[in-house]
Amino acid sequence: MQRIQTSRSPSYCPASLQQTSDGTHSAGGVDNRNIPGAQPLKAAVKTIVDVIEYPTSEAYTSSFIAETIARYRRDPKAFEAVIALRRY
Protein backbone atom coordinates (compact mmCIF):
# COMPACT_ATOMS: atom_id res chain seq x y z
CA MET A 1 0.00 0.00 0.00
CA GLN A 2 1.32 3.41 -0.93
CA ARG A 3 0.90 6.39 1.36
CA ILE A 4 -0.39 9.48 -0.43
CA GLN A 5 1.05 12.78 0.73
CA THR A 6 -1.38 15.67 0.95
CA SER A 7 -1.06 19.23 2.13
CA ARG A 8 -4.00 18.75 4.50
CA SER A 9 -3.70 18.40 8.23
CA PRO A 10 -6.46 17.96 10.80
CA SER A 11 -7.88 20.78 12.88
CA TYR A 12 -9.27 20.36 16.38
CA CYS A 13 -12.40 22.48 16.77
CA PRO A 14 -14.69 21.34 19.59
CA ALA A 15 -18.02 23.14 19.66
CA SER A 16 -19.66 24.22 22.89
CA LEU A 17 -23.36 23.88 23.68
CA GLN A 18 -25.29 25.58 20.88
CA GLN A 19 -28.54 27.52 21.06
CA THR A 20 -30.84 25.34 18.95
CA SER A 21 -34.35 23.99 19.30
CA ASP A 22 -33.22 20.44 18.42
CA GLY A 23 -33.95 19.10 21.90
CA THR A 24 -37.58 20.14 21.66
CA HIS A 25 -38.10 17.54 18.94
CA SER A 26 -37.29 14.59 21.20
CA ALA A 27 -39.28 13.09 24.04
CA GLY A 28 -38.51 15.12 27.16
CA GLY A 29 -36.05 17.23 25.21
CA VAL A 30 -34.75 20.59 26.32
CA ASP A 31 -34.75 23.78 24.31
CA ASN A 32 -31.03 24.62 24.29
CA ARG A 33 -31.80 28.27 23.61
CA ASN A 34 -32.83 28.60 27.27
CA ILE A 35 -29.73 27.02 28.82
CA PRO A 36 -27.36 29.55 30.44
CA GLY A 37 -24.06 29.74 28.59
CA ALA A 38 -25.37 28.24 25.36
CA GLN A 39 -23.68 29.80 22.36
CA PRO A 40 -25.50 31.29 19.38
CA LEU A 41 -25.19 28.88 16.46
CA LYS A 42 -23.96 31.59 14.07
CA ALA A 43 -20.91 32.21 16.28
CA ALA A 44 -19.89 28.55 16.14
CA VAL A 45 -20.48 28.38 12.40
CA LYS A 46 -18.28 31.43 11.86
CA THR A 47 -15.42 29.79 13.78
CA ILE A 48 -15.75 26.54 11.83
CA VAL A 49 -15.85 28.36 8.48
CA ASP A 50 -12.76 30.35 9.52
CA VAL A 51 -10.91 27.09 10.23
CA ILE A 52 -11.80 25.84 6.76
CA GLU A 53 -10.75 29.07 5.05
CA TYR A 54 -7.68 29.69 7.23
CA PRO A 55 -6.49 26.29 8.49
CA THR A 56 -5.12 26.10 11.99
CA SER A 57 -4.39 23.17 14.28
CA GLU A 58 -6.83 24.35 16.98
CA ALA A 59 -9.82 26.63 17.18
CA TYR A 60 -12.51 27.02 19.81
CA THR A 61 -16.06 28.18 19.22
CA SER A 62 -16.30 29.42 22.80
CA SER A 63 -14.07 32.22 24.08
CA PHE A 64 -14.52 30.79 27.61
CA ILE A 65 -13.03 27.44 26.54
CA ALA A 66 -10.24 29.14 24.58
CA GLU A 67 -9.32 31.23 27.65
CA THR A 68 -9.46 28.17 29.92
CA ILE A 69 -7.11 26.24 27.62
CA ALA A 70 -4.75 29.25 27.49
CA ARG A 71 -4.70 29.48 31.32
CA TYR A 72 -3.87 25.78 31.55
CA ARG A 73 -1.05 26.07 29.01
CA ARG A 74 0.49 29.07 30.79
CA ASP A 75 0.77 27.23 34.12
CA PRO A 76 -0.58 23.66 34.23
CA LYS A 77 0.41 23.06 37.87
CA ALA A 78 -1.36 26.18 39.14
CA PHE A 79 -4.42 25.44 37.03
CA GLU A 80 -4.65 21.86 38.33
CA ALA A 81 -4.14 23.06 41.93
CA VAL A 82 -7.20 25.33 41.62
CA ILE A 83 -9.24 22.45 40.18
CA ALA A 84 -8.12 20.16 43.00
CA LEU A 85 -9.48 22.63 45.59
CA ARG A 86 -12.99 22.49 44.16
CA ARG A 87 -15.56 20.60 46.14
CA TYR A 88 -18.34 18.92 44.23
C-alpha atoms as a PDB file:
ATOM      1  CA  MET A   1       0.000   0.000   0.000  1.00  0.00           C
ATOM      2  CA  GLN A   2       1.324   3.415  -0.929  1.00  0.00           C
ATOM      3  CA  ARG A   3       0.899   6.394   1.357  1.00  0.00           C
ATOM      4  CA  ILE A   4      -0.390   9.479  -0.427  1.00  0.00           C
ATOM      5  CA  GLN A   5       1.053  12.778   0.728  1.00  0.00           C
ATOM      6  CA  THR A   6      -1.377  15.673   0.950  1.00  0.00           C
ATOM      7  CA  SER A   7      -1.065  19.228   2.132  1.00  0.00           C
ATOM      8  CA  ARG A   8      -3.995  18.751   4.499  1.00  0.00           C
ATOM      9  CA  SER A   9      -3.702  18.402   8.227  1.00  0.00           C
ATOM     10  CA  PRO A  10      -6.457  17.964  10.795  1.00  0.00           C
ATOM     11  CA  SER A  11      -7.876  20.776  12.885  1.00  0.00           C
ATOM     12  CA  TYR A  12      -9.270  20.362  16.378  1.00  0.00           C
ATOM     13  CA  CYS A  13     -12.396  22.482  16.771  1.00  0.00           C
ATOM     14  CA  PRO A  14     -14.693  21.342  19.592  1.00  0.00           C
ATOM     15  CA  ALA A  15     -18.020  23.137  19.661  1.00  0.00           C
ATOM     16  CA  SER A  16     -19.662  24.224  22.885  1.00  0.00           C
ATOM     17  CA  LEU A  17     -23.355  23.883  23.681  1.00  0.00           C
ATOM     18  CA  GLN A  18     -25.289  25.577  20.884  1.00  0.00           C
ATOM     19  CA  GLN A  19     -28.539  27.520  21.064  1.00  0.00           C
ATOM     20  CA  THR A  20     -30.838  25.339  18.954  1.00  0.00           C
ATOM     21  CA  SER A  21     -34.346  23.995  19.299  1.00  0.00           C
ATOM     22  CA  ASP A  22     -33.222  20.442  18.420  1.00  0.00           C
ATOM     23  CA  GLY A  23     -33.952  19.097  21.899  1.00  0.00           C
ATOM     24  CA  THR A  24     -37.583  20.137  21.663  1.00  0.00           C
ATOM     25  CA  HIS A  25     -38.105  17.536  18.935  1.00  0.00           C
ATOM     26  CA  SER A  26     -37.289  14.595  21.202  1.00  0.00           C
ATOM     27  CA  ALA A  27     -39.283  13.091  24.043  1.00  0.00           C
ATOM     28  CA  GLY A  28     -38.512  15.115  27.158  1.00  0.00           C
ATOM     29  CA  GLY A  29     -36.046  17.229  25.213  1.00  0.00           C
ATOM     30  CA  VAL A  30     -34.753  20.587  26.316  1.00  0.00           C
ATOM     31  CA  ASP A  31     -34.750  23.784  24.305  1.00  0.00           C
ATOM     32  CA  ASN A  32     -31.032  24.615  24.290  1.00  0.00           C
ATOM     33  CA  ARG A  33     -31.801  28.275  23.608  1.00  0.00           C
ATOM     34  CA  ASN A  34     -32.829  28.601  27.273  1.00  0.00           C
ATOM     35  CA  ILE A  35     -29.727  27.017  28.824  1.00  0.00           C
ATOM     36  CA  PRO A  36     -27.362  29.547  30.444  1.00  0.00           C
ATOM     37  CA  GLY A  37     -24.064  29.740  28.592  1.00  0.00           C
ATOM     38  CA  ALA A  38     -25.375  28.241  25.357  1.00  0.00           C
ATOM     39  CA  GLN A  39     -23.677  29.802  22.361  1.00  0.00           C
ATOM     40  CA  PRO A  40     -25.498  31.295  19.376  1.00  0.00           C
ATOM     41  CA  LEU A  41     -25.195  28.883  16.458  1.00  0.00           C
ATOM     42  CA  LYS A  42     -23.955  31.592  14.072  1.00  0.00           C
ATOM     43  CA  ALA A  43     -20.913  32.214  16.283  1.00  0.00           C
ATOM     44  CA  ALA A  44     -19.888  28.554  16.140  1.00  0.00           C
ATOM     45  CA  VAL A  45     -20.484  28.382  12.399  1.00  0.00           C
ATOM     46  CA  LYS A  46     -18.275  31.428  11.860  1.00  0.00           C
ATOM     47  CA  THR A  47     -15.422  29.791  13.782  1.00  0.00           C
ATOM     48  CA  ILE A  48     -15.746  26.538  11.834  1.00  0.00           C
ATOM     49  CA  VAL A  49     -15.851  28.360   8.480  1.00  0.00           C
ATOM     50  CA  ASP A  50     -12.761  30.351   9.521  1.00  0.00           C
ATOM     51  CA  VAL A  51     -10.913  27.092  10.226  1.00  0.00           C
ATOM     52  CA  ILE A  52     -11.803  25.839   6.756  1.00  0.00           C
ATOM     53  CA  GLU A  53     -10.754  29.068   5.055  1.00  0.00           C
ATOM     54  CA  TYR A  54      -7.679  29.692   7.235  1.00  0.00           C
ATOM     55  CA  PRO A  55      -6.493  26.294   8.490  1.00  0.00           C
ATOM     56  CA  THR A  56      -5.118  26.096  11.994  1.00  0.00           C
ATOM     57  CA  SER A  57      -4.385  23.173  14.281  1.00  0.00           C
ATOM     58  CA  GLU A  58      -6.827  24.350  16.979  1.00  0.00           C
ATOM     59  CA  ALA A  59      -9.824  26.634  17.181  1.00  0.00           C
ATOM     60  CA  TYR A  60     -12.507  27.016  19.808  1.00  0.00           C
ATOM     61  CA  THR A  61     -16.063  28.176  19.222  1.00  0.00           C
ATOM     62  CA  SER A  62     -16.300  29.417  22.804  1.00  0.00           C
ATOM     63  CA  SER A  63     -14.071  32.218  24.082  1.00  0.00           C
ATOM     64  CA  PHE A  64     -14.517  30.789  27.610  1.00  0.00           C
ATOM     65  CA  ILE A  65     -13.031  27.444  26.540  1.00  0.00           C
ATOM     66  CA  ALA A  66     -10.235  29.143  24.583  1.00  0.00           C
ATOM     67  CA  GLU A  67      -9.320  31.235  27.646  1.00  0.00           C
ATOM     68  CA  THR A  68      -9.464  28.175  29.922  1.00  0.00           C
ATOM     69  CA  ILE A  69      -7.110  26.244  27.620  1.00  0.00           C
ATOM     70  CA  ALA A  70      -4.749  29.248  27.492  1.00  0.00           C
ATOM     71  CA  ARG A  71      -4.695  29.478  31.319  1.00  0.00           C
ATOM     72  CA  TYR A  72      -3.869  25.783  31.549  1.00  0.00           C
ATOM     73  CA  ARG A  73      -1.047  26.071  29.010  1.00  0.00           C
ATOM     74  CA  ARG A  74       0.486  29.073  30.793  1.00  0.00           C
ATOM     75  CA  ASP A  75       0.766  27.233  34.117  1.00  0.00           C
ATOM     76  CA  PRO A  76      -0.577  23.660  34.230  1.00  0.00           C
ATOM     77  CA  LYS A  77       0.412  23.056  37.872  1.00  0.00           C
ATOM     78  CA  ALA A  78      -1.358  26.183  39.143  1.00  0.00           C
ATOM     79  CA  PHE A  79      -4.421  25.436  37.028  1.00  0.00           C
ATOM     80  CA  GLU A  80      -4.646  21.860  38.328  1.00  0.00           C
ATOM     81  CA  ALA A  81      -4.145  23.060  41.929  1.00  0.00           C
ATOM     82  CA  VAL A  82      -7.198  25.327  41.618  1.00  0.00           C
ATOM     83  CA  ILE A  83      -9.241  22.450  40.180  1.00  0.00           C
ATOM     84  CA  ALA A  84      -8.120  20.157  42.997  1.00  0.00           C
ATOM     85  CA  LEU A  85      -9.477  22.627  45.591  1.00  0.00           C
ATOM     86  CA  ARG A  86     -12.988  22.492  44.159  1.00  0.00           C
ATOM     87  CA  ARG A  87     -15.556  20.600  46.140  1.00  0.00           C
ATOM     88  CA  TYR A  88     -18.337  18.918  44.226  1.00  0.00           C
END
